N, C-alpha and C. Protein backbone atom coordinates (compact mmCIF):
# COMPACT_ATOMS: atom_id res chain seq x y z
N MET A 1 100.01 -15.31 29.29
CA MET A 1 100.45 -15.41 30.66
C MET A 1 101.49 -16.52 30.75
N ALA A 2 102.65 -16.24 30.28
CA ALA A 2 103.73 -17.21 30.31
C ALA A 2 104.55 -17.01 31.57
N THR A 3 104.79 -18.12 32.28
CA THR A 3 105.63 -18.04 33.48
C THR A 3 106.95 -18.72 33.18
N ASN A 4 108.00 -18.16 33.67
CA ASN A 4 109.32 -18.75 33.49
C ASN A 4 109.68 -19.52 34.75
N LEU A 5 109.72 -20.86 34.64
CA LEU A 5 110.05 -21.69 35.78
C LEU A 5 111.51 -22.10 35.68
N SER A 6 112.17 -22.15 36.81
CA SER A 6 113.57 -22.54 36.82
C SER A 6 113.69 -24.06 36.71
N HIS A 7 114.92 -24.50 36.53
CA HIS A 7 115.19 -25.93 36.39
C HIS A 7 114.76 -26.70 37.64
N LYS A 8 115.00 -26.12 38.81
CA LYS A 8 114.63 -26.78 40.07
C LYS A 8 113.11 -26.90 40.21
N ASN A 9 112.39 -25.89 39.72
CA ASN A 9 110.92 -25.97 39.79
C ASN A 9 110.39 -27.11 38.93
N TRP A 10 110.96 -27.31 37.72
CA TRP A 10 110.51 -28.41 36.85
C TRP A 10 110.82 -29.76 37.48
N ILE A 11 111.95 -29.87 38.17
CA ILE A 11 112.29 -31.14 38.85
C ILE A 11 111.27 -31.42 39.94
N ALA A 12 110.91 -30.40 40.71
CA ALA A 12 109.94 -30.58 41.79
C ALA A 12 108.57 -30.95 41.24
N ILE A 13 108.16 -30.32 40.15
CA ILE A 13 106.86 -30.64 39.53
C ILE A 13 106.86 -32.08 39.01
N GLY A 14 107.94 -32.51 38.36
CA GLY A 14 108.03 -33.88 37.86
C GLY A 14 108.01 -34.90 38.98
N ALA A 15 108.73 -34.63 40.08
CA ALA A 15 108.75 -35.56 41.21
C ALA A 15 107.37 -35.66 41.85
N ALA A 16 106.68 -34.53 42.00
CA ALA A 16 105.33 -34.55 42.58
C ALA A 16 104.36 -35.31 41.68
N SER A 17 104.51 -35.15 40.38
CA SER A 17 103.64 -35.87 39.44
C SER A 17 103.87 -37.37 39.52
N ALA A 18 105.14 -37.78 39.57
CA ALA A 18 105.45 -39.22 39.66
C ALA A 18 104.94 -39.80 40.96
N LEU A 19 105.07 -39.06 42.05
CA LEU A 19 104.57 -39.53 43.34
C LEU A 19 103.05 -39.66 43.31
N SER A 20 102.39 -38.71 42.71
CA SER A 20 100.92 -38.77 42.61
C SER A 20 100.46 -39.96 41.80
N LEU A 21 101.13 -40.22 40.68
CA LEU A 21 100.77 -41.39 39.87
C LEU A 21 100.99 -42.68 40.65
N GLY A 22 102.07 -42.76 41.42
CA GLY A 22 102.32 -43.95 42.23
C GLY A 22 101.26 -44.17 43.28
N VAL A 23 100.82 -43.09 43.93
CA VAL A 23 99.77 -43.20 44.95
C VAL A 23 98.46 -43.64 44.31
N MET A 24 98.14 -43.09 43.15
CA MET A 24 96.90 -43.48 42.47
C MET A 24 96.96 -44.95 42.03
N ALA A 25 98.10 -45.40 41.52
CA ALA A 25 98.22 -46.79 41.10
C ALA A 25 98.11 -47.73 42.30
N GLY A 26 98.73 -47.35 43.41
CA GLY A 26 98.63 -48.18 44.62
C GLY A 26 97.19 -48.26 45.11
N GLY A 27 96.46 -47.15 45.06
CA GLY A 27 95.05 -47.16 45.46
C GLY A 27 94.21 -48.03 44.55
N ALA A 28 94.52 -48.01 43.25
CA ALA A 28 93.76 -48.84 42.31
C ALA A 28 94.01 -50.32 42.58
N VAL A 29 95.24 -50.68 42.87
CA VAL A 29 95.56 -52.09 43.16
C VAL A 29 94.87 -52.52 44.45
N THR A 30 94.89 -51.66 45.45
CA THR A 30 94.22 -52.00 46.71
C THR A 30 92.72 -52.19 46.51
N ALA A 31 92.11 -51.32 45.74
CA ALA A 31 90.67 -51.45 45.49
C ALA A 31 90.36 -52.71 44.69
N ALA A 32 91.19 -53.04 43.73
CA ALA A 32 90.96 -54.24 42.93
C ALA A 32 91.12 -55.51 43.76
N ASN A 33 92.09 -55.52 44.69
CA ASN A 33 92.28 -56.70 45.55
C ASN A 33 91.14 -56.86 46.54
N ALA A 34 90.49 -55.80 46.89
CA ALA A 34 89.39 -55.88 47.86
C ALA A 34 88.11 -56.40 47.23
N MET A 35 87.99 -56.37 45.91
CA MET A 35 86.77 -56.81 45.23
C MET A 35 86.83 -58.31 44.95
N PRO A 36 85.82 -59.07 45.38
CA PRO A 36 85.79 -60.49 45.05
C PRO A 36 85.33 -60.69 43.60
N LEU A 37 85.69 -61.81 43.04
CA LEU A 37 85.29 -62.14 41.67
C LEU A 37 84.12 -63.12 41.71
N PHE A 38 83.15 -62.91 40.83
CA PHE A 38 81.98 -63.78 40.76
C PHE A 38 81.84 -64.31 39.34
N THR A 39 81.33 -65.55 39.21
CA THR A 39 81.06 -66.13 37.90
C THR A 39 79.73 -65.61 37.40
N SER A 40 79.37 -66.00 36.17
CA SER A 40 78.09 -65.55 35.62
C SER A 40 76.91 -66.17 36.36
N ASP A 41 77.13 -67.28 37.08
CA ASP A 41 76.08 -67.91 37.87
C ASP A 41 75.90 -67.22 39.22
N GLY A 42 76.79 -66.31 39.57
CA GLY A 42 76.72 -65.64 40.85
C GLY A 42 77.58 -66.28 41.91
N ASP A 43 78.32 -67.33 41.56
CA ASP A 43 79.19 -67.99 42.52
C ASP A 43 80.49 -67.21 42.66
N ARG A 44 81.02 -67.18 43.87
CA ARG A 44 82.28 -66.50 44.11
C ARG A 44 83.42 -67.41 43.67
N THR A 45 84.39 -66.85 42.99
CA THR A 45 85.51 -67.64 42.52
C THR A 45 86.82 -66.98 42.93
N GLY A 46 87.89 -67.75 42.92
CA GLY A 46 89.20 -67.20 43.25
C GLY A 46 89.41 -67.08 44.73
N ALA A 47 90.62 -66.76 45.11
CA ALA A 47 90.96 -66.60 46.52
C ALA A 47 91.15 -65.11 46.80
N THR A 48 90.65 -64.68 47.95
CA THR A 48 90.87 -63.31 48.39
C THR A 48 91.72 -63.36 49.65
N SER A 49 92.09 -62.22 50.15
CA SER A 49 92.94 -62.19 51.34
C SER A 49 92.21 -62.79 52.55
N ALA A 50 90.87 -62.78 52.57
CA ALA A 50 90.11 -63.36 53.67
C ALA A 50 90.09 -64.88 53.61
N ASP A 51 90.37 -65.47 52.44
CA ASP A 51 90.32 -66.92 52.28
C ASP A 51 91.60 -67.60 52.73
N VAL A 52 92.68 -66.88 52.88
CA VAL A 52 93.95 -67.50 53.22
C VAL A 52 93.88 -68.02 54.64
N ASN A 53 94.28 -69.28 54.83
CA ASN A 53 94.17 -69.89 56.14
C ASN A 53 95.46 -69.78 56.96
N GLY A 54 96.38 -68.93 56.57
CA GLY A 54 97.58 -68.71 57.36
C GLY A 54 98.75 -69.60 56.96
N THR A 55 98.52 -70.55 56.08
CA THR A 55 99.61 -71.44 55.67
C THR A 55 100.18 -71.05 54.32
N GLY A 56 99.76 -69.93 53.79
CA GLY A 56 100.23 -69.52 52.48
C GLY A 56 99.35 -70.07 51.37
N GLY A 57 98.31 -70.81 51.71
CA GLY A 57 97.40 -71.37 50.71
C GLY A 57 96.00 -70.83 50.94
N ALA A 58 95.07 -71.32 50.17
CA ALA A 58 93.69 -70.88 50.30
C ALA A 58 92.78 -72.08 50.09
N ASP A 59 91.57 -71.98 50.62
CA ASP A 59 90.59 -73.03 50.41
C ASP A 59 89.99 -72.84 49.03
N VAL A 60 90.22 -73.81 48.18
CA VAL A 60 89.73 -73.73 46.81
C VAL A 60 88.92 -74.98 46.52
N THR A 61 87.73 -74.83 46.02
CA THR A 61 86.90 -75.97 45.65
C THR A 61 86.53 -75.85 44.19
N PHE A 62 86.34 -76.99 43.55
CA PHE A 62 85.96 -77.02 42.14
C PHE A 62 84.68 -77.82 42.00
N ARG A 63 83.80 -77.37 41.14
CA ARG A 63 82.56 -78.08 40.88
C ARG A 63 82.64 -78.68 39.48
N VAL A 64 82.17 -79.91 39.34
CA VAL A 64 82.10 -80.57 38.05
C VAL A 64 80.63 -80.64 37.67
N SER A 65 80.28 -80.06 36.53
CA SER A 65 78.87 -80.04 36.16
C SER A 65 78.54 -81.09 35.10
N SER A 66 79.49 -81.95 34.77
CA SER A 66 79.25 -82.96 33.76
C SER A 66 79.50 -84.35 34.35
N ASP A 67 78.68 -85.32 33.95
CA ASP A 67 78.86 -86.68 34.43
C ASP A 67 79.69 -87.51 33.46
N SER A 68 80.08 -86.92 32.35
CA SER A 68 80.81 -87.70 31.36
C SER A 68 82.26 -87.90 31.80
N ILE A 69 82.80 -89.04 31.43
CA ILE A 69 84.18 -89.37 31.75
C ILE A 69 84.96 -89.37 30.44
N VAL A 70 86.06 -88.72 30.46
CA VAL A 70 86.89 -88.64 29.26
C VAL A 70 87.94 -89.72 29.35
N SER A 71 88.03 -90.53 28.31
CA SER A 71 89.06 -91.57 28.28
C SER A 71 89.88 -91.37 27.01
N PRO A 72 91.13 -91.79 27.04
CA PRO A 72 91.97 -91.62 25.86
C PRO A 72 91.50 -92.50 24.71
N SER A 73 91.72 -92.05 23.50
CA SER A 73 91.33 -92.84 22.33
C SER A 73 92.32 -93.99 22.16
N PRO A 74 91.89 -95.11 21.54
CA PRO A 74 92.79 -96.25 21.38
C PRO A 74 93.97 -95.87 20.49
N THR A 75 95.09 -96.47 20.78
CA THR A 75 96.29 -96.17 20.01
C THR A 75 96.29 -96.97 18.71
N SER A 76 97.00 -96.50 17.75
CA SER A 76 97.11 -97.20 16.48
C SER A 76 98.06 -98.38 16.65
N PRO A 77 97.90 -99.44 15.85
CA PRO A 77 98.78 -100.61 16.00
C PRO A 77 100.22 -100.26 15.64
N VAL A 78 101.11 -100.89 16.35
CA VAL A 78 102.52 -100.64 16.14
C VAL A 78 102.99 -101.47 14.95
N SER A 79 103.70 -100.82 14.05
CA SER A 79 104.24 -101.56 12.89
C SER A 79 105.54 -102.23 13.32
N VAL A 80 105.68 -103.48 12.92
CA VAL A 80 106.86 -104.26 13.31
C VAL A 80 107.65 -104.58 12.05
N ASN A 81 108.93 -104.28 12.10
CA ASN A 81 109.80 -104.64 10.98
C ASN A 81 110.07 -106.14 11.01
N SER A 82 110.44 -106.67 9.88
CA SER A 82 110.73 -108.11 9.85
C SER A 82 111.92 -108.39 10.77
N PRO A 83 111.86 -109.49 11.50
CA PRO A 83 112.92 -109.77 12.48
C PRO A 83 114.25 -110.09 11.80
N ASN A 84 115.30 -109.77 12.53
CA ASN A 84 116.68 -110.06 12.11
C ASN A 84 117.04 -109.48 10.75
N THR A 85 116.53 -108.33 10.42
CA THR A 85 116.90 -107.69 9.17
C THR A 85 118.13 -106.82 9.44
N VAL A 86 119.22 -107.14 8.77
CA VAL A 86 120.46 -106.40 8.97
C VAL A 86 120.89 -105.86 7.62
N SER A 87 121.23 -104.60 7.58
CA SER A 87 121.70 -104.03 6.33
C SER A 87 123.17 -104.40 6.12
N PRO A 88 123.57 -104.59 4.85
CA PRO A 88 124.95 -105.00 4.59
C PRO A 88 125.93 -103.86 4.88
N ILE A 89 127.15 -104.25 5.18
CA ILE A 89 128.18 -103.26 5.46
C ILE A 89 128.67 -102.69 4.15
N SER A 90 128.80 -101.39 4.09
CA SER A 90 129.26 -100.77 2.85
C SER A 90 130.76 -100.99 2.68
N PRO A 91 131.21 -101.14 1.41
CA PRO A 91 132.64 -101.39 1.18
C PRO A 91 133.46 -100.13 1.47
N VAL A 92 134.72 -100.37 1.76
CA VAL A 92 135.63 -99.28 2.05
C VAL A 92 135.97 -98.58 0.74
N SER A 93 135.94 -97.26 0.77
CA SER A 93 136.24 -96.52 -0.45
C SER A 93 137.75 -96.46 -0.67
N ALA A 94 138.15 -96.38 -1.95
CA ALA A 94 139.57 -96.34 -2.29
C ALA A 94 140.16 -94.99 -1.92
N GLN A 95 141.46 -95.02 -1.62
CA GLN A 95 142.13 -93.79 -1.23
C GLN A 95 142.33 -92.92 -2.46
N SER A 96 142.17 -91.63 -2.29
CA SER A 96 142.34 -90.71 -3.42
C SER A 96 143.82 -90.56 -3.76
N PRO A 97 144.13 -90.35 -5.04
CA PRO A 97 145.53 -90.24 -5.44
C PRO A 97 146.16 -88.97 -4.87
N ILE A 98 147.46 -89.03 -4.68
CA ILE A 98 148.20 -87.89 -4.14
C ILE A 98 148.46 -86.91 -5.27
N SER A 99 148.22 -85.66 -5.00
CA SER A 99 148.46 -84.65 -6.03
C SER A 99 149.96 -84.37 -6.15
N PRO A 100 150.42 -84.04 -7.37
CA PRO A 100 151.85 -83.79 -7.55
C PRO A 100 152.29 -82.54 -6.81
N VAL A 101 153.53 -82.51 -6.41
CA VAL A 101 154.07 -81.39 -5.66
C VAL A 101 154.33 -80.25 -6.64
N SER A 102 153.92 -79.07 -6.28
CA SER A 102 154.15 -77.92 -7.15
C SER A 102 155.55 -77.37 -6.89
N VAL A 103 156.18 -76.90 -7.96
CA VAL A 103 157.53 -76.38 -7.86
C VAL A 103 157.49 -74.89 -8.15
N ASP A 104 158.14 -74.13 -7.27
CA ASP A 104 158.21 -72.69 -7.51
C ASP A 104 159.31 -72.41 -8.53
N VAL A 105 158.95 -71.79 -9.61
CA VAL A 105 159.91 -71.42 -10.64
C VAL A 105 160.11 -69.93 -10.54
N ASP A 106 161.36 -69.54 -10.45
CA ASP A 106 161.64 -68.12 -10.35
C ASP A 106 161.33 -67.45 -11.67
N SER A 107 160.54 -66.40 -11.59
CA SER A 107 160.22 -65.65 -12.79
C SER A 107 161.29 -64.57 -12.98
N PRO A 108 161.50 -64.18 -14.22
CA PRO A 108 162.54 -63.17 -14.44
C PRO A 108 162.12 -61.85 -13.80
N PRO A 109 163.08 -61.07 -13.34
CA PRO A 109 162.72 -59.80 -12.69
C PRO A 109 162.10 -58.85 -13.70
N SER A 110 161.23 -58.02 -13.20
CA SER A 110 160.57 -57.06 -14.07
C SER A 110 161.56 -55.93 -14.39
N PRO A 111 161.40 -55.33 -15.58
CA PRO A 111 162.34 -54.26 -15.93
C PRO A 111 162.13 -53.04 -15.04
N VAL A 112 163.23 -52.35 -14.82
CA VAL A 112 163.18 -51.17 -13.98
C VAL A 112 162.67 -50.00 -14.82
N SER A 113 161.72 -49.28 -14.26
CA SER A 113 161.19 -48.14 -15.01
C SER A 113 162.12 -46.95 -14.86
N LEU A 114 162.20 -46.16 -15.91
CA LEU A 114 163.06 -44.99 -15.89
C LEU A 114 162.37 -43.86 -15.16
N PRO A 115 163.15 -43.00 -14.49
CA PRO A 115 162.50 -41.87 -13.81
C PRO A 115 161.92 -40.91 -14.82
N SER A 116 160.82 -40.30 -14.44
CA SER A 116 160.17 -39.34 -15.34
C SER A 116 160.95 -38.02 -15.33
N PRO A 117 160.90 -37.30 -16.46
CA PRO A 117 161.65 -36.03 -16.51
C PRO A 117 160.99 -35.00 -15.60
N PRO A 118 161.77 -34.04 -15.13
CA PRO A 118 161.17 -33.02 -14.24
C PRO A 118 160.16 -32.18 -15.01
N SER A 119 159.14 -31.74 -14.30
CA SER A 119 158.09 -30.95 -14.94
C SER A 119 158.55 -29.50 -15.07
N ALA A 120 157.95 -28.80 -16.03
CA ALA A 120 158.31 -27.40 -16.26
C ALA A 120 157.77 -26.55 -15.14
N PRO A 121 158.48 -25.49 -14.78
CA PRO A 121 157.99 -24.63 -13.70
C PRO A 121 156.71 -23.92 -14.13
N SER A 122 155.81 -23.70 -13.19
CA SER A 122 154.55 -23.03 -13.50
C SER A 122 154.78 -21.53 -13.55
N PRO A 123 153.99 -20.82 -14.37
CA PRO A 123 154.17 -19.37 -14.45
C PRO A 123 153.75 -18.70 -13.14
N ALA A 124 154.33 -17.59 -12.85
CA ALA A 124 154.01 -16.88 -11.61
C ALA A 124 152.59 -16.38 -11.67
N SER A 125 151.89 -16.49 -10.57
CA SER A 125 150.50 -16.03 -10.55
C SER A 125 150.45 -14.54 -10.32
N ILE A 126 149.44 -13.91 -10.85
CA ILE A 126 149.27 -12.47 -10.73
C ILE A 126 148.65 -12.18 -9.37
N ALA A 127 149.12 -11.19 -8.72
CA ALA A 127 148.60 -10.83 -7.40
C ALA A 127 147.16 -10.36 -7.55
N SER A 128 146.30 -10.81 -6.65
CA SER A 128 144.89 -10.40 -6.70
C SER A 128 144.74 -9.04 -6.03
N PRO A 129 143.76 -8.25 -6.48
CA PRO A 129 143.57 -6.95 -5.84
C PRO A 129 143.09 -7.14 -4.40
N ALA A 130 143.41 -6.24 -3.56
CA ALA A 130 143.02 -6.33 -2.15
C ALA A 130 141.51 -6.24 -2.06
N SER A 131 140.93 -7.08 -1.25
CA SER A 131 139.48 -7.03 -1.10
C SER A 131 139.13 -5.98 -0.05
N TRP A 132 138.01 -5.31 -0.27
CA TRP A 132 137.59 -4.25 0.64
C TRP A 132 136.14 -4.49 1.01
N SER A 133 135.83 -4.38 2.28
CA SER A 133 134.44 -4.49 2.71
C SER A 133 134.14 -3.31 3.60
N PRO A 134 132.92 -2.84 3.56
CA PRO A 134 132.57 -1.69 4.41
C PRO A 134 132.59 -2.08 5.87
N PRO A 135 132.84 -1.19 6.75
CA PRO A 135 132.85 -1.50 8.18
C PRO A 135 131.46 -1.94 8.64
N SER A 136 131.42 -2.87 9.61
CA SER A 136 130.13 -3.36 10.10
C SER A 136 129.50 -2.34 11.01
N VAL A 137 128.20 -2.37 11.04
CA VAL A 137 127.46 -1.42 11.88
C VAL A 137 126.82 -2.21 13.00
N ASP A 138 127.04 -1.79 14.23
CA ASP A 138 126.41 -2.45 15.37
C ASP A 138 124.95 -2.05 15.44
N SER A 139 124.10 -3.02 15.75
CA SER A 139 122.68 -2.71 15.87
C SER A 139 122.40 -2.17 17.28
N VAL A 140 121.49 -1.27 17.33
CA VAL A 140 121.12 -0.66 18.60
C VAL A 140 119.69 -1.07 18.92
N ASP A 141 119.52 -1.71 20.07
CA ASP A 141 118.17 -2.13 20.47
C ASP A 141 117.55 -1.12 21.39
């Protein structure tokens, strides 16, 4: 049972499918936003649309379940270099010698090559026999 659909029908089917997927995705996002999040202790966490107080923020509270205070570890002692230590100034390097100027020497011209002799004419080719093929037959459906 094969149906032949035109190009316009496939475009309409594709557009309807894309629209349906968009509606389903929007519904999933709406459902997910409506669900509050709870911790493993049963406490509600995060902000929902009902928590917003109209200022673009939300009431958020944090609980600390530990009484310990974290303090930074002591730093390692700073190493101090010996005072007034100055490195000596390095001596100036000597200037490199100037390279000698190169002189272009004219080389003798190359000898002129002689023209090659003309090639011998090729023998005449023999005429090939005429090719013959049978007439084509049209197929009848």
